[in-house]
Each structure stands twice: as structure tokens, then as C-alpha cells.
Amino acid sequence: MQNMRVHAVPPPPPLLMLQRIKWEDDLVKDAEGNEVPNSCCLVWEGITPTRAFGDIKFKVLPTEKQAREVFQKHGVEHYWDLAYSGAVLAVNDA
């Protein structure tokens, strides 16, 4: 039997979400109500021992509390906390 080498290959970069979708083409309202270009940023990347979500679905949730509850239902509310804290920090830096 031949010796076999196994190499861990990192996953490809999230091209679809970060590069292929033109987020800036859409305008959104900031905290003051001004229209600004939309954006997308990577919050977390890694490997988990189990899958947290089944099918990914688009949902419109009007409040932060409702959004966090969706993540909490799947046991990954820390993803929301991380994304939300980054958004708050970005607004405060502007």
C-alpha cells in the first residue's frame, strides 16, 4: 500500500456574498434617515461540529429582538450578537 498524504484545504472565500452581489447598488437608510449605499461584510468564518440551519430562507424581521430570536431558535444567537455589535461599532465610528 502506498503512503498517502492528506492536506487540509481551506474553504473557498465567500465570493458570492462579498464580491459577486453588488450591495452598493441598493440604498438603505442610516440611523439619521439618510440614504446611503448598502454593504456586506464577513462577520465570522470557520467550521462547526454540526449544522445549525437547514434550508436558508430570506426573512424580513422589523426588530433586532425578532432577528435574534430566529438565531436563538437554532442555538446560534452568538452569531447575531457578533454581527450586531459590529454594526453598532461601525455606526459609532462614522
PDB file of N, CA and C in Angstrom:
ATOM      1  N   MET A   1       0.846  -1.176   0.000  1.00  0.00           N
ATOM      2  CA  MET A   1       0.000   0.000   0.000  1.00  0.00           C
ATOM      3  C   MET A   1       0.894   1.244   0.000  1.00  0.00           C
ATOM      4  N   GLN A   2       0.542   2.224  -0.791  1.00  0.00           N
ATOM      5  CA  GLN A   2       1.319   3.446  -0.884  1.00  0.00           C
ATOM      6  C   GLN A   2       1.021   4.370   0.284  1.00  0.00           C
ATOM      7  N   ASN A   3       2.026   5.167   0.638  1.00  0.00           N
ATOM      8  CA  ASN A   3       1.785   6.201   1.642  1.00  0.00           C
ATOM      9  C   ASN A   3       0.915   7.290   1.022  1.00  0.00           C
ATOM     10  N   MET A   4      -0.046   7.729   1.761  1.00  0.00           N
ATOM     11  CA  MET A   4      -0.948   8.773   1.256  1.00  0.00           C
ATOM     12  C   MET A   4      -0.787  10.014   2.117  1.00  0.00           C
ATOM     13  N   ARG A   5      -0.776  11.143   1.480  1.00  0.00           N
ATOM     14  CA  ARG A   5      -0.730  12.411   2.193  1.00  0.00           C
ATOM     15  C   ARG A   5      -2.117  13.040   2.158  1.00  0.00           C
ATOM     16  N   VAL A   6      -2.501  13.551   3.279  1.00  0.00           N
ATOM     17  CA  VAL A   6      -3.787  14.237   3.366  1.00  0.00           C
ATOM     18  C   VAL A   6      -3.511  15.680   3.735  1.00  0.00           C
ATOM     19  N   HIS A   7      -4.020  16.588   2.953  1.00  0.00           N
ATOM     20  CA  HIS A   7      -3.841  18.014   3.205  1.00  0.00           C
ATOM     21  C   HIS A   7      -5.192  18.642   3.508  1.00  0.00           C
ATOM     22  N   ALA A   8      -5.221  19.432   4.531  1.00  0.00           N
ATOM     23  CA  ALA A   8      -6.442  20.183   4.816  1.00  0.00           C
ATOM     24  C   ALA A   8      -6.509  21.346   3.836  1.00  0.00           C
ATOM     25  N   VAL A   9      -7.601  21.446   3.143  1.00  0.00           N
ATOM     26  CA  VAL A   9      -7.776  22.514   2.162  1.00  0.00           C
ATOM     27  C   VAL A   9      -8.772  23.513   2.734  1.00  0.00           C
ATOM     28  N   PRO A  10      -8.374  24.766   2.840  1.00  0.00           N
ATOM     29  CA  PRO A  10      -9.312  25.747   3.378  1.00  0.00           C
ATOM     30  C   PRO A  10     -10.484  25.945   2.425  1.00  0.00           C
ATOM     31  N   PRO A  11     -11.642  26.288   2.954  1.00  0.00           N
ATOM     32  CA  PRO A  11     -12.798  26.507   2.090  1.00  0.00           C
ATOM     33  C   PRO A  11     -12.564  27.724   1.198  1.00  0.00           C
ATOM     34  N   PRO A  12     -13.230  27.756   0.041  1.00  0.00           N
ATOM     35  CA  PRO A  12     -13.068  28.912  -0.838  1.00  0.00           C
ATOM     36  C   PRO A  12     -13.617  30.176  -0.172  1.00  0.00           C
ATOM     37  N   PRO A  13     -13.107  31.331  -0.548  1.00  0.00           N
ATOM     38  CA  PRO A  13     -13.619  32.562   0.046  1.00  0.00           C
ATOM     39  C   PRO A  13     -15.086  32.776  -0.314  1.00  0.00           C
ATOM     40  N   PRO A  14     -15.805  33.475   0.515  1.00  0.00           N
ATOM     41  CA  PRO A  14     -17.241  33.678   0.277  1.00  0.00           C
ATOM     42  C   PRO A  14     -17.490  34.691  -0.851  1.00  0.00           C
ATOM     43  N   LEU A  15     -17.135  34.282  -2.065  1.00  0.00           N
ATOM     44  CA  LEU A  15     -17.198  35.193  -3.203  1.00  0.00           C
ATOM     45  C   LEU A  15     -18.608  35.700  -3.494  1.00  0.00           C
ATOM     46  N   LEU A  16     -19.589  34.822  -3.410  1.00  0.00           N
ATOM     47  CA  LEU A  16     -20.943  35.230  -3.771  1.00  0.00           C
ATOM     48  C   LEU A  16     -21.424  36.383  -2.905  1.00  0.00           C
ATOM     49  N   MET A  17     -21.312  36.226  -1.597  1.00  0.00           N
ATOM     50  CA  MET A  17     -21.846  37.254  -0.699  1.00  0.00           C
ATOM     51  C   MET A  17     -21.008  38.528  -0.697  1.00  0.00           C
ATOM     52  N   LEU A  18     -19.701  38.400  -0.779  1.00  0.00           N
ATOM     53  CA  LEU A  18     -18.847  39.573  -0.614  1.00  0.00           C
ATOM     54  C   LEU A  18     -18.458  40.249  -1.918  1.00  0.00           C
ATOM     55  N   GLN A  19     -18.398  39.506  -3.019  1.00  0.00           N
ATOM     56  CA  GLN A  19     -17.899  40.105  -4.250  1.00  0.00           C
ATOM     57  C   GLN A  19     -18.896  40.087  -5.395  1.00  0.00           C
ATOM     58  N   ARG A  20     -19.622  39.009  -5.577  1.00  0.00           N
ATOM     59  CA  ARG A  20     -20.484  38.906  -6.746  1.00  0.00           C
ATOM     60  C   ARG A  20     -21.784  39.684  -6.614  1.00  0.00           C
ATOM     61  N   ILE A  21     -22.308  39.797  -5.416  1.00  0.00           N
ATOM     62  CA  ILE A  21     -23.523  40.586  -5.217  1.00  0.00           C
ATOM     63  C   ILE A  21     -23.122  42.050  -5.092  1.00  0.00           C
ATOM     64  N   LYS A  22     -23.763  42.915  -5.842  1.00  0.00           N
ATOM     65  CA  LYS A  22     -23.429  44.343  -5.840  1.00  0.00           C
ATOM     66  C   LYS A  22     -24.274  45.057  -4.780  1.00  0.00           C
ATOM     67  N   TRP A  23     -23.848  44.935  -3.536  1.00  0.00           N
ATOM     68  CA  TRP A  23     -24.584  45.509  -2.413  1.00  0.00           C
ATOM     69  C   TRP A  23     -24.736  47.015  -2.546  1.00  0.00           C
ATOM     70  N   GLU A  24     -23.720  47.686  -3.048  1.00  0.00           N
ATOM     71  CA  GLU A  24     -23.717  49.150  -3.104  1.00  0.00           C
ATOM     72  C   GLU A  24     -24.743  49.698  -4.085  1.00  0.00           C
ATOM     73  N   ASP A  25     -25.291  48.842  -4.959  1.00  0.00           N
ATOM     74  CA  ASP A  25     -26.298  49.309  -5.912  1.00  0.00           C
ATOM     75  C   ASP A  25     -27.609  49.674  -5.217  1.00  0.00           C
ATOM     76  N   ASP A  26     -27.856  49.102  -4.053  1.00  0.00           N
ATOM     77  CA  ASP A  26     -29.071  49.403  -3.295  1.00  0.00           C
ATOM     78  C   ASP A  26     -28.776  50.454  -2.237  1.00  0.00           C
ATOM     79  N   LEU A  27     -29.699  51.352  -2.041  1.00  0.00           N
ATOM     80  CA  LEU A  27     -29.555  52.358  -0.995  1.00  0.00           C
ATOM     81  C   LEU A  27     -30.402  51.954   0.202  1.00  0.00           C
ATOM     82  N   VAL A  28     -29.874  52.173   1.387  1.00  0.00           N
ATOM     83  CA  VAL A  28     -30.593  51.907   2.635  1.00  0.00           C
ATOM     84  C   VAL A  28     -30.536  53.165   3.483  1.00  0.00           C
ATOM     85  N   LYS A  29     -31.408  53.253   4.472  1.00  0.00           N
ATOM     86  CA  LYS A  29     -31.418  54.426   5.347  1.00  0.00           C
ATOM     87  C   LYS A  29     -30.552  54.171   6.568  1.00  0.00           C
ATOM     88  N   ASP A  30     -29.743  55.166   6.915  1.00  0.00           N
ATOM     89  CA  ASP A  30     -28.919  55.055   8.113  1.00  0.00           C
ATOM     90  C   ASP A  30     -29.721  55.513   9.321  1.00  0.00           C
ATOM     91  N   ALA A  31     -29.088  55.593  10.476  1.00  0.00           N
ATOM     92  CA  ALA A  31     -29.777  55.950  11.724  1.00  0.00           C
ATOM     93  C   ALA A  31     -30.446  57.319  11.664  1.00  0.00           C
ATOM     94  N   GLU A  32     -29.880  58.245  10.873  1.00  0.00           N
ATOM     95  CA  GLU A  32     -30.461  59.594  10.759  1.00  0.00           C
ATOM     96  C   GLU A  32     -31.512  59.685   9.655  1.00  0.00           C
ATOM     97  N   GLY A  33     -31.743  58.594   8.918  1.00  0.00           N
ATOM     98  CA  GLY A  33     -32.724  58.599   7.845  1.00  0.00           C
ATOM     99  C   GLY A  33     -32.158  58.981   6.493  1.00  0.00           C
ATOM    100  N   ASN A  34     -30.855  59.164   6.393  1.00  0.00           N
ATOM    101  CA  ASN A  34     -30.221  59.484   5.113  1.00  0.00           C
ATOM    102  C   ASN A  34     -30.028  58.211   4.306  1.00  0.00           C
ATOM    103  N   GLU A  35     -30.186  58.313   2.985  1.00  0.00           N
ATOM    104  CA  GLU A  35     -29.946  57.157   2.137  1.00  0.00           C
ATOM    105  C   GLU A  35     -28.448  57.013   1.874  1.00  0.00           C
ATOM    106  N   VAL A  36     -27.938  55.815   2.166  1.00  0.00           N
ATOM    107  CA  VAL A  36     -26.513  55.508   1.984  1.00  0.00           C
ATOM    108  C   VAL A  36     -26.402  54.181   1.238  1.00  0.00           C
ATOM    109  N   PRO A  37     -25.269  53.920   0.574  1.00  0.00           N
ATOM    110  CA  PRO A  37     -25.107  52.627  -0.108  1.00  0.00           C
ATOM    111  C   PRO A  37     -25.121  51.468   0.886  1.00  0.00           C
ATOM    112  N   ASN A  38     -25.768  50.384   0.496  1.00  0.00           N
ATOM    113  CA  ASN A  38     -25.803  49.171   1.309  1.00  0.00           C
ATOM    114  C   ASN A  38     -24.414  48.539   1.312  1.00  0.00           C
ATOM    115  N   SER A  39     -24.163  47.615   2.229  1.00  0.00           N
ATOM    116  CA  SER A  39     -22.862  46.945   2.279  1.00  0.00           C
ATOM    117  C   SER A  39     -23.007  45.548   2.874  1.00  0.00           C
ATOM    118  N   CYS A  40     -21.968  44.757   2.719  1.00  0.00           N
ATOM    119  CA  CYS A  40     -21.923  43.414   3.281  1.00  0.00           C
ATOM    120  C   CYS A  40     -20.509  43.185   3.785  1.00  0.00           C
ATOM    121  N   CYS A  41     -20.366  42.607   4.967  1.00  0.00           N
ATOM    122  CA  CYS A  41     -19.038  42.298   5.481  1.00  0.00           C
ATOM    123  C   CYS A  41     -19.059  40.917   6.132  1.00  0.00           C
ATOM    124  N   LEU A  42     -17.912  40.282   6.154  1.00  0.00           N
ATOM    125  CA  LEU A  42     -17.769  38.965   6.749  1.00  0.00           C
ATOM    126  C   LEU A  42     -17.703  39.111   8.265  1.00  0.00           C
ATOM    127  N   VAL A  43     -18.589  38.429   8.969  1.00  0.00           N
ATOM    128  CA  VAL A  43     -18.644  38.515  10.425  1.00  0.00           C
ATOM    129  C   VAL A  43     -17.866  37.372  11.069  1.00  0.00           C
ATOM    130  N   TRP A  44     -18.004  36.182  10.535  1.00  0.00           N
ATOM    131  CA  TRP A  44     -17.341  35.016  11.103  1.00  0.00           C
ATOM    132  C   TRP A  44     -17.146  33.986  10.001  1.00  0.00           C
ATOM    133  N   GLU A  45     -16.053  33.264  10.051  1.00  0.00           N
ATOM    134  CA  GLU A  45     -15.793  32.197   9.099  1.00  0.00           C
ATOM    135  C   GLU A  45     -15.088  31.083   9.846  1.00  0.00           C
ATOM    136  N   GLY A  46     -15.553  29.871   9.653  1.00  0.00           N
ATOM    137  CA  GLY A  46     -14.932  28.749  10.338  1.00  0.00           C
ATOM    138  C   GLY A  46     -15.724  27.474  10.156  1.00  0.00           C
ATOM    139  N   ILE A  47     -15.374  26.471  10.929  1.00  0.00           N
ATOM    140  CA  ILE A  47     -16.007  25.164  10.849  1.00  0.00           C
ATOM    141  C   ILE A  47     -16.694  24.882  12.177  1.00  0.00           C
ATOM    142  N   THR A  48     -17.906  24.361  12.110  1.00  0.00           N
ATOM    143  CA  THR A  48     -18.638  23.974  13.317  1.00  0.00           C
ATOM    144  C   THR A  48     -18.851  22.460  13.300  1.00  0.00           C
ATOM    145  N   PRO A  49     -18.998  21.851  14.471  1.00  0.00           N
ATOM    146  CA  PRO A  49     -19.164  20.399  14.505  1.00  0.00           C
ATOM    147  C   PRO A  49     -20.496  19.921  13.939  1.00  0.00           C
ATOM    148  N   THR A  50     -21.524  20.751  14.023  1.00  0.00           N
ATOM    149  CA  THR A  50     -22.837  20.374  13.486  1.00  0.00           C
ATOM    150  C   THR A  50     -23.424  21.544  12.706  1.00  0.00           C
ATOM    151  N   ARG A  51     -24.335  21.227  11.829  1.00  0.00           N
ATOM    152  CA  ARG A  51     -25.010  22.240  11.023  1.00  0.00           C
ATOM    153  C   ARG A  51     -26.106  22.893  11.856  1.00  0.00           C
ATOM    154  N   ALA A  52     -26.142  24.235  11.864  1.00  0.00           N
ATOM    155  CA  ALA A  52     -27.116  24.946  12.684  1.00  0.00           C
ATOM    156  C   ALA A  52     -28.432  25.185  11.951  1.00  0.00           C
ATOM    157  N   PHE A  53     -28.376  25.377  10.652  1.00  0.00           N
ATOM    158  CA  PHE A  53     -29.573  25.693   9.884  1.00  0.00           C
ATOM    159  C   PHE A  53     -29.830  24.611   8.848  1.00  0.00           C
ATOM    160  N   GLY A  54     -31.089  24.406   8.519  1.00  0.00           N
ATOM    161  CA  GLY A  54     -31.445  23.526   7.408  1.00  0.00           C
ATOM    162  C   GLY A  54     -31.391  24.349   6.138  1.00  0.00           C
ATOM    163  N   ASP A  55     -32.536  24.575   5.545  1.00  0.00           N
ATOM    164  CA  ASP A  55     -32.606  25.423   4.360  1.00  0.00           C
ATOM    165  C   ASP A  55     -32.475  26.879   4.777  1.00  0.00           C
ATOM    166  N   ILE A  56     -31.701  27.629   4.014  1.00  0.00           N
ATOM    167  CA  ILE A  56     -31.556  29.057   4.276  1.00  0.00           C
ATOM    168  C   ILE A  56     -32.712  29.781   3.591  1.00  0.00           C
ATOM    169  N   LYS A  57     -33.405  30.599   4.344  1.00  0.00           N
ATOM    170  CA  LYS A  57     -34.556  31.333   3.807  1.00  0.00           C
ATOM    171  C   LYS A  57     -34.398  32.810   4.107  1.00  0.00           C
ATOM    172  N   PHE A  58     -34.914  33.625   3.229  1.00  0.00           N
ATOM    173  CA  PHE A  58     -34.899  35.067   3.412  1.00  0.00           C
ATOM    174  C   PHE A  58     -36.083  35.454   4.284  1.00  0.00           C
ATOM    175  N   LYS A  59     -35.830  36.206   5.334  1.00  0.00           N
ATOM    176  CA  LYS A  59     -36.896  36.672   6.225  1.00  0.00           C
ATOM    177  C   LYS A  59     -36.707  38.156   6.478  1.00  0.00           C
ATOM    178  N   VAL A  60     -37.814  38.879   6.503  1.00  0.00           N
ATOM    179  CA  VAL A  60     -37.786  40.287   6.878  1.00  0.00           C
ATOM    180  C   VAL A  60     -38.282  40.363   8.317  1.00  0.00           C
ATOM    181  N   LEU A  61     -37.422  40.836   9.202  1.00  0.00           N
ATOM    182  CA  LEU A  61     -37.763  40.954  10.616  1.00  0.00           C
ATOM    183  C   LEU A  61     -37.577  42.411  11.023  1.00  0.00           C
ATOM    184  N   PRO A  62     -38.641  43.075  11.443  1.00  0.00           N
ATOM    185  CA  PRO A  62     -38.568  44.519  11.689  1.00  0.00           C
ATOM    186  C   PRO A  62     -37.769  44.938  12.924  1.00  0.00           C
ATOM    187  N   THR A  63     -37.517  44.043  13.855  1.00  0.00           N
ATOM    188  CA  THR A  63     -36.785  44.456  15.058  1.00  0.00           C
ATOM    189  C   THR A  63     -35.575  43.558  15.293  1.00  0.00           C
ATOM    190  N   GLU A  64     -34.612  44.099  16.018  1.00  0.00           N
ATOM    191  CA  GLU A  64     -33.430  43.331  16.368  1.00  0.00           C
ATOM    192  C   GLU A  64     -33.801  42.134  17.242  1.00  0.00           C
ATOM    193  N   LYS A  65     -34.788  42.319  18.109  1.00  0.00           N
ATOM    194  CA  LYS A  65     -35.217  41.244  19.007  1.00  0.00           C
ATOM    195  C   LYS A  65     -35.749  40.053  18.209  1.00  0.00           C
ATOM    196  N   GLN A  66     -36.567  40.324  17.184  1.00  0.00           N
ATOM    197  CA  GLN A  66     -37.106  39.233  16.371  1.00  0.00           C
ATOM    198  C   GLN A  66     -35.994  38.519  15.603  1.00  0.00           C
ATOM    199  N   ALA A  67     -35.029  39.276  15.102  1.00  0.00           N
ATOM    200  CA  ALA A  67     -33.916  38.669  14.377  1.00  0.00           C
ATOM    201  C   ALA A  67     -33.107  37.763  15.306  1.00  0.00           C
ATOM    202  N   ARG A  68     -32.830  38.241  16.512  1.00  0.00           N
ATOM    203  CA  ARG A  68     -32.058  37.443  17.458  1.00  0.00           C
ATOM    204  C   ARG A  68     -32.811  36.169  17.844  1.00  0.00           C
ATOM    205  N   GLU A  69     -34.133  36.248  17.954  1.00  0.00           N
ATOM    206  CA  GLU A  69     -34.933  35.074  18.308  1.00  0.00           C
ATOM    207  C   GLU A  69     -34.824  33.978  17.250  1.00  0.00           C
ATOM    208  N   VAL A  70     -34.723  34.360  15.970  1.00  0.00           N
ATOM    209  CA  VAL A  70     -34.549  33.361  14.911  1.00  0.00           C
ATOM    210  C   VAL A  70     -33.226  32.623  15.110  1.00  0.00           C
ATOM    211  N   PHE A  71     -32.152  33.366  15.383  1.00  0.00           N
ATOM    212  CA  PHE A  71     -30.865  32.734  15.630  1.00  0.00           C
ATOM    213  C   PHE A  71     -30.905  31.909  16.917  1.00  0.00           C
ATOM    214  N   GLN A  72     -31.582  32.413  17.926  1.00  0.00           N
ATOM    215  CA  GLN A  72     -31.678  31.708  19.213  1.00  0.00           C
ATOM    216  C   GLN A  72     -32.410  30.379  19.037  1.00  0.00           C
ATOM    217  N   LYS A  73     -33.421  30.361  18.189  1.00  0.00           N
ATOM    218  CA  LYS A  73     -34.181  29.144  17.916  1.00  0.00           C
ATOM    219  C   LYS A  73     -33.263  28.033  17.382  1.00  0.00           C
ATOM    220  N   HIS A  74     -32.212  28.421  16.678  1.00  0.00           N
ATOM    221  CA  HIS A  74     -31.265  27.463  16.121  1.00  0.00           C
ATOM    222  C   HIS A  74     -30.020  27.287  16.993  1.00  0.00           C
ATOM    223  N   GLY A  75     -29.990  27.948  18.158  1.00  0.00           N
ATOM    224  CA  GLY A  75     -28.879  27.786  19.095  1.00  0.00           C
ATOM    225  C   GLY A  75     -27.607  28.521  18.704  1.00  0.00           C
ATOM    226  N   VAL A  76     -27.730  29.528  17.841  1.00  0.00           N
ATOM    227  CA  VAL A  76     -26.545  30.279  17.402  1.00  0.00           C
ATOM    228  C   VAL A  76     -26.773  31.787  17.555  1.00  0.00           C
ATOM    229  N   GLU A  77     -27.383  32.176  18.647  1.00  0.00           N
ATOM    230  CA  GLU A  77     -27.652  33.605  18.866  1.00  0.00           C
ATOM    231  C   GLU A  77     -26.367  34.415  18.959  1.00  0.00           C
ATOM    232  N   HIS A  78     -25.254  33.750  19.269  1.00  0.00           N
ATOM    233  CA  HIS A  78     -23.970  34.450  19.328  1.00  0.00           C
ATOM    234  C   HIS A  78     -23.573  34.989  17.951  1.00  0.00           C
ATOM    235  N   TYR A  79     -24.056  34.372  16.864  1.00  0.00           N
ATOM    236  CA  TYR A  79     -23.792  34.929  15.524  1.00  0.00           C
ATOM    237  C   TYR A  79     -24.452  36.305  15.396  1.00  0.00           C
ATOM    238  N   TRP A  80     -25.701  36.397  15.853  1.00  0.00           N
ATOM    239  CA  TRP A  80     -26.410  37.682  15.801  1.00  0.00           C
ATOM    240  C   TRP A  80     -25.711  38.713  16.682  1.00  0.00           C
ATOM    241  N   ASP A  81     -25.345  38.297  17.888  1.00  0.00           N
ATOM    242  CA  ASP A  81     -24.677  39.223  18.818  1.00  0.00           C
ATOM    243  C   ASP A  81     -23.390  39.781  18.201  1.00  0.00           C
ATOM    244  N   LEU A  82     -22.628  38.915  17.555  1.00  0.00           N
ATOM    245  CA  LEU A  82     -21.381  39.337  16.936  1.00  0.00           C
ATOM    246  C   LEU A  82     -21.636  40.307  15.776  1.00  0.00           C
ATOM    247  N   ALA A  83     -22.582  39.985  14.915  1.00  0.00           N
ATOM    248  CA  ALA A  83     -22.898  40.856  13.776  1.00  0.00           C
ATOM    249  C   ALA A  83     -23.466  42.187  14.254  1.00  0.00           C
ATOM    250  N   TYR A  84     -24.359  42.133  15.233  1.00  0.00           N
ATOM    251  CA  TYR A  84     -24.999  43.352  15.724  1.00  0.00           C
ATOM    252  C   TYR A  84     -23.985  44.265  16.432  1.00  0.00           C
ATOM    253  N   SER A  85     -23.083  43.686  17.213  1.00  0.00           N
ATOM    254  CA  SER A  85     -22.088  44.509  17.899  1.00  0.00           C
ATOM    255  C   SER A  85     -21.158  45.176  16.894  1.00  0.00           C
ATOM    256  N   GLY A  86     -20.828  44.481  15.810  1.00  0.00           N
ATOM    257  CA  GLY A  86     -20.006  45.079  14.757  1.00  0.00           C
ATOM    258  C   GLY A  86     -20.720  46.210  14.061  1.00  0.00           C
ATOM    259  N   ALA A  87     -22.032  46.070  13.843  1.00  0.00           N
ATOM    260  CA  ALA A  87     -22.808  47.133  13.199  1.00  0.00           C
ATOM    261  C   ALA A  87     -22.887  48.352  14.098  1.00  0.00           C
ATOM    262  N   VAL A  88     -23.064  48.145  15.379  1.00  0.00           N
ATOM    263  CA  VAL A  88     -23.129  49.270  16.330  1.00  0.00           C
ATOM    264  C   VAL A  88     -21.791  49.996  16.376  1.00  0.00           C
ATOM    265  N   LEU A  89     -20.703  49.232  16.406  1.00  0.00           N
ATOM    266  CA  LEU A  89     -19.371  49.855  16.428  1.00  0.00           C
ATOM    267  C   LEU A  89     -19.112  50.634  15.148  1.00  0.00           C
ATOM    268  N   ALA A  90     -19.555  50.109  14.003  1.00  0.00           N
ATOM    269  CA  ALA A  90     -19.351  50.805  12.731  1.00  0.00           C
ATOM    270  C   ALA A  90     -20.107  52.124  12.694  1.00  0.00           C
ATOM    271  N   VAL A  91     -21.305  52.153  13.255  1.00  0.00           N
ATOM    272  CA  VAL A  91     -22.094  53.394  13.301  1.00  0.00           C
ATOM    273  C   VAL A  91     -21.421  54.402  14.216  1.00  0.00           C
ATOM    274  N   ASN A  92     -20.902  53.946  15.344  1.00  0.00           N
ATOM    275  CA  ASN A  92     -20.247  54.855  16.280  1.00  0.00           C
ATOM    276  C   ASN A  92     -18.937  55.412  15.736  1.00  0.00           C
ATOM    277  N   ASP A  93     -18.252  54.638  14.876  1.00  0.00           N
ATOM    278  CA  ASP A  93     -17.007  55.106  14.282  1.00  0.00           C
ATOM    279  C   ASP A  93     -17.233  56.142  13.185  1.00  0.00           C
ATOM    280  N   ALA A  94     -18.418  56.123  12.585  1.00  0.00           N
ATOM    281  CA  ALA A  94     -18.697  57.032  11.454  1.00  0.00           C
ATOM    282  C   ALA A  94     -18.884  58.471  11.904  1.00  0.00           C
TER     283      ALA A  94
END
